[in-house]
């Protein structure tokens, strides 16, 4: 059994004239990263490996999550090839995970995350929002054999911001 948690980086700022890869988090992005990371502890496996895109907004998201979840940031592996918006490329990268790790947490980017979740998960999601958390489970023993799995949980900022309307959709 393999478990994958995909986390879309938090909302980035467009205020600075920098290259896309250098865009930092916005104030809302920082808030949402704290909001989600402080509400997912019980959803995490006991042991895992953490990968992050090398984009500034993904690394900053991973830093906030690692602080709130007591994961030493030096344990987060920054992977240049995770700076991708293509789900096929994301799939190739995930398949390279060492099999000694049954649980992978990955900070990445959209379109890749939403398209990957819809291809390999059991729940159709129109758009995994910034700071979105999607936990998936696969009945495989080897990451190279990645196939359709099951969407276990989704946690999005809107689940908390619209709580008075009871719009939580945790599966």
N, C-alpha and C. Protein backbone atom coordinates (compact mmCIF):
# COMPACT_ATOMS: atom_id res chain seq x y z
N UNK A 1 0.85 -1.18 0.00
CA UNK A 1 0.00 0.00 0.00
C UNK A 1 0.89 1.24 0.00
N UNK A 2 0.62 2.16 -0.90
CA UNK A 2 1.35 3.43 -0.96
C UNK A 2 0.36 4.57 -0.74
N UNK A 3 0.81 5.59 -0.02
CA UNK A 3 -0.01 6.76 0.27
C UNK A 3 0.69 8.01 -0.24
N UNK A 4 -0.07 8.86 -0.88
CA UNK A 4 0.45 10.10 -1.46
C UNK A 4 -0.39 11.26 -0.97
N UNK A 5 0.28 12.27 -0.47
CA UNK A 5 -0.40 13.51 -0.09
C UNK A 5 0.14 14.61 -0.99
N UNK A 6 -0.75 15.20 -1.76
CA UNK A 6 -0.39 16.31 -2.64
C UNK A 6 -0.88 17.59 -2.00
N UNK A 7 0.02 18.57 -1.90
CA UNK A 7 -0.34 19.88 -1.35
C UNK A 7 0.03 20.92 -2.39
N UNK A 8 -0.98 21.65 -2.85
CA UNK A 8 -0.69 22.73 -3.78
C UNK A 8 -0.13 23.90 -2.98
N UNK A 9 0.93 24.50 -3.48
CA UNK A 9 1.52 25.63 -2.77
C UNK A 9 0.45 26.67 -2.45
N UNK A 10 0.70 27.46 -1.44
CA UNK A 10 -0.25 28.50 -1.04
C UNK A 10 -0.23 29.65 -2.04
N UNK A 11 -1.20 30.53 -1.89
CA UNK A 11 -1.39 31.68 -2.80
C UNK A 11 -0.11 32.52 -2.87
N UNK A 12 0.30 32.80 -4.08
CA UNK A 12 1.52 33.60 -4.26
C UNK A 12 1.19 35.05 -4.53
N UNK A 13 2.20 35.87 -4.34
CA UNK A 13 2.07 37.30 -4.55
C UNK A 13 2.50 37.65 -5.98
N UNK A 14 1.77 38.55 -6.57
CA UNK A 14 2.12 39.05 -7.90
C UNK A 14 2.63 40.48 -7.82
N UNK A 15 2.90 40.95 -6.61
CA UNK A 15 3.28 42.36 -6.41
C UNK A 15 4.69 42.68 -6.88
N UNK A 16 5.59 41.73 -6.82
CA UNK A 16 6.97 41.97 -7.20
C UNK A 16 7.21 41.56 -8.65
N UNK A 17 8.02 42.35 -9.36
CA UNK A 17 8.32 42.00 -10.76
C UNK A 17 9.45 40.96 -10.82
N UNK A 18 9.09 39.70 -10.50
CA UNK A 18 10.09 38.63 -10.49
C UNK A 18 9.65 37.51 -11.43
N UNK A 19 10.59 36.65 -11.77
CA UNK A 19 10.26 35.46 -12.57
C UNK A 19 9.29 34.59 -11.80
N UNK A 20 8.49 33.82 -12.52
CA UNK A 20 7.48 32.97 -11.90
C UNK A 20 8.05 32.11 -10.78
N UNK A 21 9.19 31.51 -10.98
CA UNK A 21 9.78 30.60 -9.99
C UNK A 21 10.16 31.33 -8.71
N UNK A 22 10.32 32.64 -8.78
CA UNK A 22 10.75 33.44 -7.62
C UNK A 22 9.60 34.12 -6.88
N UNK A 23 8.35 33.90 -7.31
CA UNK A 23 7.23 34.56 -6.63
C UNK A 23 7.05 34.03 -5.22
N UNK A 24 7.00 34.94 -4.22
CA UNK A 24 6.81 34.53 -2.82
C UNK A 24 5.33 34.36 -2.50
N UNK A 25 5.06 33.91 -1.29
CA UNK A 25 3.67 33.80 -0.84
C UNK A 25 3.08 35.17 -0.56
N UNK A 26 1.79 35.29 -0.77
CA UNK A 26 1.06 36.50 -0.39
C UNK A 26 0.66 36.38 1.08
N UNK A 27 0.13 37.46 1.66
CA UNK A 27 -0.36 37.41 3.05
C UNK A 27 -1.43 36.33 3.18
N UNK A 28 -2.35 36.27 2.23
CA UNK A 28 -3.39 35.25 2.27
C UNK A 28 -2.78 33.86 2.18
N UNK A 29 -1.76 33.71 1.34
CA UNK A 29 -1.09 32.42 1.20
C UNK A 29 -0.46 31.96 2.51
N UNK A 30 0.18 32.88 3.20
CA UNK A 30 0.79 32.56 4.49
C UNK A 30 -0.30 32.15 5.49
N UNK A 31 -1.39 32.91 5.53
CA UNK A 31 -2.50 32.60 6.43
C UNK A 31 -3.07 31.22 6.12
N UNK A 32 -3.35 30.94 4.85
CA UNK A 32 -3.95 29.66 4.46
C UNK A 32 -3.01 28.49 4.73
N UNK A 33 -1.71 28.68 4.55
CA UNK A 33 -0.75 27.61 4.85
C UNK A 33 -0.80 27.26 6.33
N UNK A 34 -0.89 28.29 7.18
CA UNK A 34 -1.01 28.05 8.62
C UNK A 34 -2.34 27.38 8.94
N UNK A 35 -3.41 27.83 8.30
CA UNK A 35 -4.75 27.28 8.55
C UNK A 35 -4.80 25.79 8.23
N UNK A 36 -4.35 25.41 7.06
CA UNK A 36 -4.43 24.01 6.65
C UNK A 36 -3.43 23.16 7.45
N UNK A 37 -2.20 23.63 7.57
CA UNK A 37 -1.19 22.82 8.26
C UNK A 37 -1.52 22.60 9.73
N UNK A 38 -2.30 23.48 10.33
CA UNK A 38 -2.67 23.30 11.73
C UNK A 38 -3.91 22.41 11.87
N UNK A 39 -4.47 21.95 10.76
CA UNK A 39 -5.67 21.12 10.81
C UNK A 39 -5.51 19.74 10.17
N UNK A 40 -4.28 19.35 9.84
CA UNK A 40 -4.11 18.07 9.13
C UNK A 40 -3.27 17.05 9.89
N UNK A 41 -2.77 17.39 11.06
CA UNK A 41 -1.88 16.49 11.80
C UNK A 41 -2.45 15.08 11.89
N UNK A 42 -3.72 14.95 12.20
CA UNK A 42 -4.33 13.63 12.38
C UNK A 42 -4.46 12.85 11.07
N UNK A 43 -4.29 13.55 9.93
CA UNK A 43 -4.44 12.90 8.63
C UNK A 43 -3.11 12.39 8.07
N UNK A 44 -2.02 12.70 8.76
CA UNK A 44 -0.70 12.32 8.27
C UNK A 44 -0.31 10.92 8.75
N UNK A 45 0.40 10.18 7.91
CA UNK A 45 0.92 8.88 8.35
C UNK A 45 2.02 9.11 9.39
N UNK A 46 2.38 8.05 10.10
CA UNK A 46 3.39 8.17 11.15
C UNK A 46 4.78 8.48 10.59
N UNK A 47 5.09 7.94 9.43
CA UNK A 47 6.38 8.22 8.80
C UNK A 47 6.15 8.55 7.33
N UNK A 48 7.00 9.39 6.80
CA UNK A 48 6.84 9.84 5.41
C UNK A 48 8.10 10.53 4.93
N UNK A 49 8.16 10.71 3.63
CA UNK A 49 9.20 11.52 3.01
C UNK A 49 8.48 12.75 2.43
N UNK A 50 9.16 13.90 2.44
CA UNK A 50 8.55 15.14 1.96
C UNK A 50 9.39 15.70 0.82
N UNK A 51 8.71 15.97 -0.30
CA UNK A 51 9.34 16.60 -1.45
C UNK A 51 8.67 17.94 -1.72
N UNK A 52 9.45 18.90 -2.21
CA UNK A 52 8.89 20.19 -2.61
C UNK A 52 9.52 20.66 -3.91
N UNK A 53 8.70 21.34 -4.69
CA UNK A 53 9.21 22.05 -5.86
C UNK A 53 10.23 23.08 -5.38
N UNK A 54 11.13 23.46 -6.28
CA UNK A 54 12.13 24.47 -5.94
C UNK A 54 11.60 25.89 -6.10
N UNK A 55 10.35 26.06 -6.53
CA UNK A 55 9.77 27.41 -6.64
C UNK A 55 9.65 28.02 -5.26
N UNK A 56 9.93 29.30 -5.16
CA UNK A 56 9.93 29.99 -3.86
C UNK A 56 8.61 29.80 -3.12
N UNK A 57 7.47 29.90 -3.81
CA UNK A 57 6.17 29.78 -3.15
C UNK A 57 5.93 28.37 -2.61
N UNK A 58 6.44 27.36 -3.29
CA UNK A 58 6.30 25.98 -2.81
C UNK A 58 7.21 25.75 -1.60
N UNK A 59 8.45 26.24 -1.68
CA UNK A 59 9.37 26.08 -0.55
C UNK A 59 8.85 26.82 0.68
N UNK A 60 8.33 28.05 0.49
CA UNK A 60 7.78 28.80 1.62
C UNK A 60 6.58 28.08 2.22
N UNK A 61 5.75 27.48 1.38
CA UNK A 61 4.62 26.68 1.88
C UNK A 61 5.14 25.51 2.70
N UNK A 62 6.13 24.80 2.17
CA UNK A 62 6.70 23.65 2.87
C UNK A 62 7.31 24.05 4.20
N UNK A 63 7.91 25.22 4.27
CA UNK A 63 8.49 25.71 5.53
C UNK A 63 7.40 25.88 6.58
N UNK A 64 6.30 26.52 6.21
CA UNK A 64 5.20 26.75 7.15
C UNK A 64 4.62 25.42 7.63
N UNK A 65 4.36 24.51 6.70
CA UNK A 65 3.83 23.20 7.08
C UNK A 65 4.81 22.47 7.99
N UNK A 66 6.09 22.49 7.64
CA UNK A 66 7.07 21.76 8.44
C UNK A 66 7.15 22.34 9.86
N UNK A 67 7.06 23.66 10.00
CA UNK A 67 7.07 24.26 11.33
C UNK A 67 5.85 23.83 12.14
N UNK A 68 4.67 23.91 11.54
CA UNK A 68 3.44 23.58 12.26
C UNK A 68 3.29 22.09 12.54
N UNK A 69 3.92 21.25 11.72
CA UNK A 69 3.80 19.81 11.87
C UNK A 69 5.04 19.19 12.53
N UNK A 70 5.95 20.06 12.97
CA UNK A 70 7.17 19.63 13.67
C UNK A 70 8.02 18.69 12.80
N UNK A 71 8.12 19.03 11.52
CA UNK A 71 8.98 18.28 10.60
C UNK A 71 10.22 19.14 10.40
N UNK A 72 11.41 18.65 10.73
CA UNK A 72 12.60 19.47 10.48
C UNK A 72 12.69 19.82 8.98
N UNK A 73 12.79 21.12 8.67
CA UNK A 73 12.78 21.52 7.26
C UNK A 73 13.95 20.91 6.49
N UNK A 74 15.05 20.62 7.19
CA UNK A 74 16.18 20.00 6.49
C UNK A 74 15.84 18.60 5.98
N UNK A 75 14.73 18.03 6.45
CA UNK A 75 14.27 16.73 5.94
C UNK A 75 13.43 16.86 4.67
N UNK A 76 13.05 18.09 4.31
CA UNK A 76 12.28 18.31 3.09
C UNK A 76 13.25 18.31 1.91
N UNK A 77 12.97 17.46 0.94
CA UNK A 77 13.84 17.35 -0.23
C UNK A 77 13.31 18.28 -1.32
N UNK A 78 14.13 19.25 -1.71
CA UNK A 78 13.77 20.20 -2.76
C UNK A 78 14.15 19.58 -4.09
N UNK A 79 13.16 19.45 -4.97
CA UNK A 79 13.38 18.81 -6.26
C UNK A 79 13.06 19.79 -7.39
N UNK A 80 14.08 20.11 -8.17
CA UNK A 80 13.90 21.05 -9.29
C UNK A 80 12.84 20.56 -10.27
N UNK A 81 12.78 19.25 -10.50
CA UNK A 81 11.85 18.73 -11.51
C UNK A 81 10.39 18.79 -11.05
N UNK A 82 10.14 19.10 -9.79
CA UNK A 82 8.75 19.27 -9.33
C UNK A 82 8.19 20.64 -9.72
N UNK A 83 9.03 21.50 -10.26
CA UNK A 83 8.53 22.77 -10.80
C UNK A 83 7.94 22.45 -12.17
N UNK A 84 6.78 21.81 -12.12
CA UNK A 84 6.09 21.39 -13.34
C UNK A 84 4.60 21.63 -13.19
N UNK A 85 3.95 21.87 -14.31
CA UNK A 85 2.52 22.09 -14.34
C UNK A 85 1.83 20.96 -15.12
N UNK A 86 2.61 19.94 -15.46
CA UNK A 86 2.16 18.84 -16.30
C UNK A 86 1.99 17.57 -15.47
N UNK A 87 0.79 17.00 -15.48
CA UNK A 87 0.52 15.81 -14.65
C UNK A 87 1.30 14.58 -15.10
N UNK A 88 1.62 14.47 -16.39
CA UNK A 88 2.40 13.33 -16.85
C UNK A 88 3.82 13.40 -16.28
N UNK A 89 4.37 14.59 -16.25
CA UNK A 89 5.70 14.79 -15.66
C UNK A 89 5.65 14.51 -14.16
N UNK A 90 4.59 14.97 -13.49
CA UNK A 90 4.42 14.72 -12.07
C UNK A 90 4.33 13.21 -11.80
N UNK A 91 3.59 12.51 -12.62
CA UNK A 91 3.47 11.06 -12.50
C UNK A 91 4.85 10.39 -12.63
N UNK A 92 5.64 10.81 -13.60
CA UNK A 92 6.98 10.25 -13.80
C UNK A 92 7.85 10.45 -12.56
N UNK A 93 7.75 11.62 -11.95
CA UNK A 93 8.56 11.95 -10.77
C UNK A 93 8.13 11.10 -9.59
N UNK A 94 6.82 10.97 -9.37
CA UNK A 94 6.31 10.17 -8.25
C UNK A 94 6.72 8.71 -8.41
N UNK A 95 6.71 8.21 -9.62
CA UNK A 95 7.10 6.81 -9.87
C UNK A 95 8.55 6.54 -9.51
N UNK A 96 9.35 7.59 -9.39
CA UNK A 96 10.77 7.44 -9.04
C UNK A 96 11.00 7.41 -7.53
N UNK A 97 9.94 7.55 -6.75
CA UNK A 97 10.09 7.50 -5.29
C UNK A 97 10.60 6.12 -4.90
N UNK A 98 11.54 6.08 -3.98
CA UNK A 98 12.09 4.81 -3.52
C UNK A 98 11.00 4.01 -2.81
N UNK A 99 10.95 2.72 -3.06
CA UNK A 99 9.90 1.87 -2.50
C UNK A 99 9.99 1.67 -1.00
N UNK A 100 11.13 2.02 -0.41
CA UNK A 100 11.21 1.92 1.04
C UNK A 100 10.31 2.95 1.72
N UNK A 101 9.85 3.95 0.95
CA UNK A 101 8.92 4.95 1.47
C UNK A 101 7.51 4.59 1.02
N UNK A 102 6.65 4.31 1.97
CA UNK A 102 5.25 4.01 1.65
C UNK A 102 4.40 5.27 1.62
N UNK A 103 4.93 6.37 2.18
CA UNK A 103 4.15 7.60 2.32
C UNK A 103 4.95 8.79 1.81
N UNK A 104 4.41 9.45 0.81
CA UNK A 104 5.07 10.60 0.19
C UNK A 104 4.17 11.83 0.32
N UNK A 105 4.74 12.92 0.83
CA UNK A 105 4.05 14.21 0.87
C UNK A 105 4.77 15.10 -0.14
N UNK A 106 4.01 15.73 -1.02
CA UNK A 106 4.60 16.48 -2.12
C UNK A 106 3.97 17.86 -2.24
N UNK A 107 4.79 18.91 -2.26
CA UNK A 107 4.35 20.29 -2.47
C UNK A 107 4.61 20.65 -3.93
N UNK A 108 3.55 20.98 -4.66
CA UNK A 108 3.71 21.24 -6.07
C UNK A 108 2.76 22.28 -6.60
N UNK A 109 2.47 22.17 -7.89
CA UNK A 109 1.78 23.22 -8.64
C UNK A 109 0.56 22.68 -9.39
N UNK A 110 -0.35 23.58 -9.67
CA UNK A 110 -1.47 23.27 -10.55
C UNK A 110 -1.02 23.53 -11.98
N UNK A 111 -1.62 23.09 -12.82
CA UNK A 111 -2.51 22.13 -13.37
C UNK A 111 -2.10 20.71 -13.02
N UNK A 112 -0.83 20.48 -12.77
CA UNK A 112 -0.34 19.12 -12.54
C UNK A 112 -1.10 18.43 -11.40
N UNK A 113 -1.28 19.12 -10.28
CA UNK A 113 -1.92 18.47 -9.13
C UNK A 113 -3.38 18.14 -9.41
N UNK A 114 -4.16 19.10 -9.88
CA UNK A 114 -5.58 18.83 -10.14
C UNK A 114 -5.73 17.71 -11.18
N UNK A 115 -4.98 17.76 -12.25
CA UNK A 115 -5.09 16.74 -13.29
C UNK A 115 -4.64 15.37 -12.80
N UNK A 116 -3.59 15.34 -11.98
CA UNK A 116 -3.12 14.08 -11.41
C UNK A 116 -4.18 13.47 -10.49
N UNK A 117 -4.74 14.30 -9.61
CA UNK A 117 -5.76 13.84 -8.66
C UNK A 117 -6.97 13.28 -9.41
N UNK A 118 -7.36 13.93 -10.48
CA UNK A 118 -8.52 13.46 -11.24
C UNK A 118 -8.20 12.20 -12.05
N UNK A 119 -6.98 12.04 -12.48
CA UNK A 119 -6.58 10.85 -13.24
C UNK A 119 -6.44 9.63 -12.31
N UNK A 120 -5.85 9.83 -11.13
CA UNK A 120 -5.51 8.71 -10.27
C UNK A 120 -6.41 8.57 -9.04
N UNK A 121 -7.23 9.56 -8.76
CA UNK A 121 -8.08 9.50 -7.57
C UNK A 121 -9.47 9.00 -7.87
N UNK A 122 -10.29 8.91 -6.82
CA UNK A 122 -11.66 8.40 -6.95
C UNK A 122 -12.70 9.51 -6.79
N UNK A 123 -12.25 10.74 -6.72
CA UNK A 123 -13.14 11.88 -6.52
C UNK A 123 -12.78 12.95 -7.54
N UNK A 124 -13.75 13.39 -8.33
CA UNK A 124 -13.51 14.44 -9.30
C UNK A 124 -13.45 15.78 -8.58
N UNK A 125 -12.37 16.51 -8.77
CA UNK A 125 -12.17 17.82 -8.15
C UNK A 125 -11.96 18.82 -9.27
N UNK A 126 -12.85 19.81 -9.36
CA UNK A 126 -12.74 20.82 -10.42
C UNK A 126 -11.39 21.51 -10.40
N UNK A 127 -10.95 21.88 -9.19
CA UNK A 127 -9.70 22.61 -9.06
C UNK A 127 -9.20 22.46 -7.63
N UNK A 128 -8.01 21.89 -7.48
CA UNK A 128 -7.40 21.86 -6.15
C UNK A 128 -6.90 23.28 -5.90
N UNK A 129 -7.46 23.96 -4.91
CA UNK A 129 -7.10 25.37 -4.69
C UNK A 129 -5.71 25.52 -4.08
N UNK A 130 -5.19 26.73 -4.09
CA UNK A 130 -3.94 26.99 -3.39
C UNK A 130 -4.13 26.58 -1.93
N UNK A 131 -3.11 26.00 -1.35
CA UNK A 131 -3.11 25.41 0.01
C UNK A 131 -3.96 24.15 0.09
N UNK A 132 -4.46 23.65 -1.03
CA UNK A 132 -5.27 22.45 -1.03
C UNK A 132 -4.46 21.21 -0.69
N UNK A 133 -5.05 20.33 0.12
CA UNK A 133 -4.45 19.10 0.61
C UNK A 133 -5.30 17.94 0.11
N UNK A 134 -4.68 17.00 -0.61
CA UNK A 134 -5.40 15.83 -1.10
C UNK A 134 -4.59 14.58 -0.73
N UNK A 135 -5.23 13.68 0.02
CA UNK A 135 -4.60 12.44 0.43
C UNK A 135 -5.16 11.31 -0.42
N UNK A 136 -4.25 10.51 -0.98
CA UNK A 136 -4.64 9.41 -1.87
C UNK A 136 -3.97 8.12 -1.42
N UNK A 137 -4.62 7.01 -1.71
CA UNK A 137 -4.08 5.70 -1.36
C UNK A 137 -4.10 4.80 -2.59
N UNK A 138 -3.02 4.03 -2.74
CA UNK A 138 -2.88 3.16 -3.90
C UNK A 138 -2.59 1.74 -3.44
N UNK A 139 -3.28 0.78 -4.02
CA UNK A 139 -3.10 -0.62 -3.68
C UNK A 139 -1.95 -1.19 -4.51
N UNK A 140 -0.75 -0.69 -4.21
CA UNK A 140 0.47 -1.11 -4.92
C UNK A 140 1.59 -1.26 -3.89
N UNK A 141 2.63 -2.00 -4.26
CA UNK A 141 3.82 -2.13 -3.42
C UNK A 141 5.02 -1.43 -4.04
N UNK A 142 4.86 -0.99 -5.28
CA UNK A 142 5.97 -0.37 -6.02
C UNK A 142 5.45 0.91 -6.68
N UNK A 143 6.10 2.03 -6.38
CA UNK A 143 5.65 3.32 -6.95
C UNK A 143 5.61 3.27 -8.48
N UNK A 144 6.49 2.46 -9.09
CA UNK A 144 6.51 2.36 -10.55
C UNK A 144 5.21 1.80 -11.11
N UNK A 145 4.45 1.09 -10.28
CA UNK A 145 3.19 0.49 -10.72
C UNK A 145 1.99 1.38 -10.41
N UNK A 146 2.23 2.66 -10.28
CA UNK A 146 1.17 3.61 -9.94
C UNK A 146 -0.03 3.42 -10.87
N UNK A 147 -1.20 3.29 -10.26
CA UNK A 147 -2.44 3.10 -11.00
C UNK A 147 -3.56 3.80 -10.24
N UNK A 148 -4.75 3.76 -10.81
CA UNK A 148 -5.91 4.40 -10.18
C UNK A 148 -6.00 3.98 -8.72
N UNK A 149 -6.18 4.97 -7.86
CA UNK A 149 -6.27 4.71 -6.43
C UNK A 149 -7.53 5.31 -5.85
N UNK A 150 -7.48 5.62 -4.59
CA UNK A 150 -8.64 6.14 -3.88
C UNK A 150 -8.29 7.48 -3.25
N UNK A 151 -9.17 8.46 -3.41
CA UNK A 151 -9.02 9.74 -2.73
C UNK A 151 -9.55 9.55 -1.32
N UNK A 152 -8.69 9.75 -0.33
CA UNK A 152 -9.04 9.49 1.06
C UNK A 152 -9.58 10.75 1.75
N UNK A 153 -8.87 11.87 1.60
CA UNK A 153 -9.25 13.12 2.28
C UNK A 153 -8.94 14.30 1.37
N UNK A 154 -9.76 15.32 1.49
CA UNK A 154 -9.43 16.62 0.90
C UNK A 154 -9.64 17.66 2.00
N UNK A 155 -8.70 18.58 2.09
CA UNK A 155 -8.82 19.68 3.04
C UNK A 155 -8.43 20.95 2.29
N UNK A 156 -9.40 21.84 2.13
CA UNK A 156 -9.18 23.08 1.41
C UNK A 156 -9.47 24.27 2.33
N UNK A 157 -8.85 25.42 2.09
CA UNK A 157 -9.12 26.60 2.93
C UNK A 157 -10.61 26.93 3.01
N UNK A 158 -11.35 26.74 1.93
CA UNK A 158 -12.78 27.07 1.92
C UNK A 158 -13.56 26.22 2.92
N UNK A 159 -13.04 25.04 3.29
CA UNK A 159 -13.72 24.20 4.27
C UNK A 159 -13.81 24.90 5.62
N UNK A 160 -12.87 25.78 5.89
CA UNK A 160 -12.84 26.50 7.17
C UNK A 160 -13.43 27.89 7.05
N UNK A 161 -13.22 28.52 5.92
CA UNK A 161 -13.71 29.90 5.74
C UNK A 161 -15.23 29.93 5.59
N UNK A 162 -15.80 28.85 5.08
CA UNK A 162 -17.26 28.82 4.87
C UNK A 162 -17.94 27.87 5.85
N UNK A 163 -17.31 27.65 6.99
CA UNK A 163 -17.82 26.66 7.92
C UNK A 163 -19.25 26.93 8.35
N UNK A 164 -19.63 28.22 8.43
CA UNK A 164 -21.00 28.52 8.85
C UNK A 164 -22.01 28.00 7.85
N UNK A 165 -21.56 27.71 6.60
CA UNK A 165 -22.46 27.15 5.60
C UNK A 165 -22.32 25.63 5.53
N UNK A 166 -21.45 25.08 6.40
CA UNK A 166 -21.24 23.64 6.47
C UNK A 166 -20.87 23.04 5.11
N UNK A 167 -19.86 23.62 4.46
CA UNK A 167 -19.45 23.14 3.14
C UNK A 167 -18.21 22.26 3.20
N UNK A 168 -17.91 21.72 4.35
CA UNK A 168 -16.78 20.80 4.44
C UNK A 168 -17.02 19.61 3.54
N UNK A 169 -16.00 19.23 2.80
CA UNK A 169 -16.12 18.06 1.92
C UNK A 169 -14.93 17.15 2.18
N UNK A 170 -14.83 16.64 3.36
CA UNK A 170 -13.74 15.72 3.67
C UNK A 170 -14.23 14.32 3.36
N UNK A 171 -13.48 13.62 2.53
CA UNK A 171 -13.89 12.28 2.08
C UNK A 171 -12.94 11.25 2.62
